[in-house]
């Protein structure tokens, strides 16, 4: 039997699923991926939700430009009728989402969503 890395007096056969350190039941953290030591199971948020302020600002400004042009196109498309404007607005929404996704570095989260919504509202308002 091996000894726990933090408690040398405790014999154990349990290992961390990530770093293979021997841990006792008091040191173990149970999660969806198995048993981990406290160091490996730190509760950091995913890198997908960690966006830098510069990248967020760049994505919002690019989306503002796209939505300003799209808002202008929507205002000029009055002769297309409601059906045509619906499809144009749908296309604008897809283009807006793709712009934020690509320029924003494929990041997600409430901060990205809020900046996208604000830039869409302001951009379409400027375009009209």
Protein backbone atom coordinates (compact mmCIF):
# COMPACT_ATOMS: atom_id res chain seq x y z
CA UNK A 1 0.00 0.00 0.00
CA UNK A 2 1.08 3.54 -0.68
CA UNK A 3 0.75 6.54 1.59
CA UNK A 4 -1.40 9.58 0.88
CA UNK A 5 0.63 12.49 -0.50
CA UNK A 6 -0.75 14.91 2.10
CA UNK A 7 -1.30 12.48 4.97
CA UNK A 8 1.68 10.10 5.16
CA UNK A 9 0.12 8.16 8.05
CA UNK A 10 -2.85 7.06 5.90
CA UNK A 11 -2.39 4.07 3.60
CA UNK A 12 -4.37 4.15 0.37
CA UNK A 13 -4.63 2.65 -3.08
CA UNK A 14 -6.69 5.54 -4.48
CA UNK A 15 -4.98 7.68 -7.13
CA UNK A 16 -5.89 11.00 -8.69
CA UNK A 17 -7.36 10.47 -12.14
CA UNK A 18 -5.25 13.25 -13.65
CA UNK A 19 -1.83 13.31 -11.96
CA UNK A 20 -1.70 9.77 -10.46
CA UNK A 21 -0.90 11.08 -6.97
CA UNK A 22 -1.99 8.81 -4.14
CA UNK A 23 -4.83 10.40 -2.18
CA UNK A 24 -6.88 9.34 0.82
CA UNK A 25 -10.69 9.69 0.92
CA UNK A 26 -10.34 12.93 2.89
CA UNK A 27 -8.23 14.49 0.11
CA UNK A 28 -10.32 13.25 -2.79
CA UNK A 29 -12.84 15.27 -4.77
CA UNK A 30 -15.45 13.32 -6.69
CA UNK A 31 -16.48 14.72 -10.04
CA UNK A 32 -17.91 13.67 -13.38
CA UNK A 33 -14.48 12.58 -14.61
CA UNK A 34 -13.70 10.48 -11.55
CA UNK A 35 -11.71 11.05 -8.39
CA UNK A 36 -9.21 13.90 -8.38
CA UNK A 37 -6.88 15.49 -5.84
CA UNK A 38 -7.68 19.00 -4.64
CA UNK A 39 -5.01 20.59 -6.85
CA UNK A 40 -6.33 18.94 -10.04
CA UNK A 41 -9.97 19.64 -9.27
CA UNK A 42 -9.69 23.39 -8.88
CA UNK A 43 -12.97 25.01 -9.75
CA UNK A 44 -11.74 27.31 -12.49
CA UNK A 45 -14.16 28.28 -15.20
CA UNK A 46 -13.69 26.89 -18.68
CA UNK A 47 -11.40 28.70 -21.12
CA UNK A 48 -14.38 29.00 -23.45
CA UNK A 49 -15.91 31.59 -21.12
CA UNK A 50 -12.74 33.60 -20.49
CA UNK A 51 -12.63 36.42 -23.03
CA UNK A 52 -10.16 39.29 -22.95
CA UNK A 53 -11.58 42.84 -22.88
CA UNK A 54 -9.75 43.76 -26.09
CA UNK A 55 -11.16 40.80 -27.99
CA UNK A 56 -14.64 41.54 -26.65
CA UNK A 57 -14.42 45.19 -27.71
CA UNK A 58 -13.15 44.26 -31.17
CA UNK A 59 -16.00 41.79 -31.68
CA UNK A 60 -18.58 44.33 -30.48
CA UNK A 61 -17.24 47.05 -32.79
CA UNK A 62 -17.17 44.70 -35.79
CA UNK A 63 -20.72 43.60 -34.99
CA UNK A 64 -21.76 47.25 -34.66
CA UNK A 65 -20.48 47.93 -38.18
CA UNK A 66 -22.20 44.85 -39.61
CA UNK A 67 -25.50 45.70 -37.92
CA UNK A 68 -25.32 49.35 -39.00
CA UNK A 69 -25.02 48.29 -42.63
CA UNK A 70 -27.68 45.62 -42.10
CA UNK A 71 -30.03 48.12 -40.47
CA UNK A 72 -29.60 50.46 -43.41
CA UNK A 73 -30.35 47.57 -45.81
CA UNK A 74 -33.48 46.72 -43.80
CA UNK A 75 -34.67 50.32 -43.93
CA UNK A 76 -34.12 50.51 -47.69
CA UNK A 77 -35.88 47.20 -48.31
CA UNK A 78 -39.35 48.58 -47.65
CA UNK A 79 -40.52 47.55 -51.12
CA UNK A 80 -39.76 43.89 -50.43
CA UNK A 81 -42.70 43.54 -48.08
CA UNK A 82 -42.77 41.89 -44.69
CA UNK A 83 -41.77 38.50 -46.06
CA UNK A 84 -38.64 39.85 -47.75
CA UNK A 85 -37.69 41.90 -44.71
CA UNK A 86 -38.09 38.81 -42.52
CA UNK A 87 -35.56 36.87 -44.61
CA UNK A 88 -33.21 39.85 -44.73
CA UNK A 89 -33.39 40.19 -40.93
CA UNK A 90 -32.73 36.46 -40.58
CA UNK A 91 -29.66 36.79 -42.79
CA UNK A 92 -28.51 39.78 -40.75
CA UNK A 93 -28.86 37.77 -37.52
CA UNK A 94 -26.79 34.91 -38.91
CA UNK A 95 -24.12 37.31 -40.18
CA UNK A 96 -24.05 39.10 -36.83
CA UNK A 97 -23.64 35.87 -34.88
CA UNK A 98 -20.91 34.61 -37.19
CA UNK A 99 -19.05 37.92 -36.92
CA UNK A 100 -19.01 37.82 -33.12
CA UNK A 101 -18.11 34.13 -33.07
CA UNK A 102 -15.13 34.46 -35.41
CA UNK A 103 -13.72 37.80 -34.26
CA UNK A 104 -14.45 37.02 -30.62
CA UNK A 105 -12.26 33.91 -30.78
CA UNK A 106 -15.15 31.42 -30.45
CA UNK A 107 -15.76 32.57 -26.86
CA UNK A 108 -19.11 32.33 -25.16
CA UNK A 109 -20.81 33.50 -21.99
CA UNK A 110 -23.13 36.15 -20.69
CA UNK A 111 -20.63 38.97 -21.32
CA UNK A 112 -20.33 38.07 -25.00
CA UNK A 113 -24.11 37.73 -25.27
CA UNK A 114 -24.73 41.10 -23.63
CA UNK A 115 -22.21 42.94 -25.80
CA UNK A 116 -23.64 41.29 -28.91
CA UNK A 117 -27.20 42.27 -28.03
CA UNK A 118 -26.16 45.85 -27.29
CA UNK A 119 -24.21 46.18 -30.54
CA UNK A 120 -27.12 44.73 -32.55
CA UNK A 121 -29.62 47.17 -31.03
CA UNK A 122 -27.34 50.18 -31.45
CA UNK A 123 -26.18 49.14 -34.92
CA UNK A 124 -29.65 48.54 -36.32
CA UNK A 125 -30.77 51.82 -34.73
CA UNK A 126 -27.92 53.66 -36.43
CA UNK A 127 -28.74 51.97 -39.73
CA UNK A 128 -32.38 52.97 -39.65
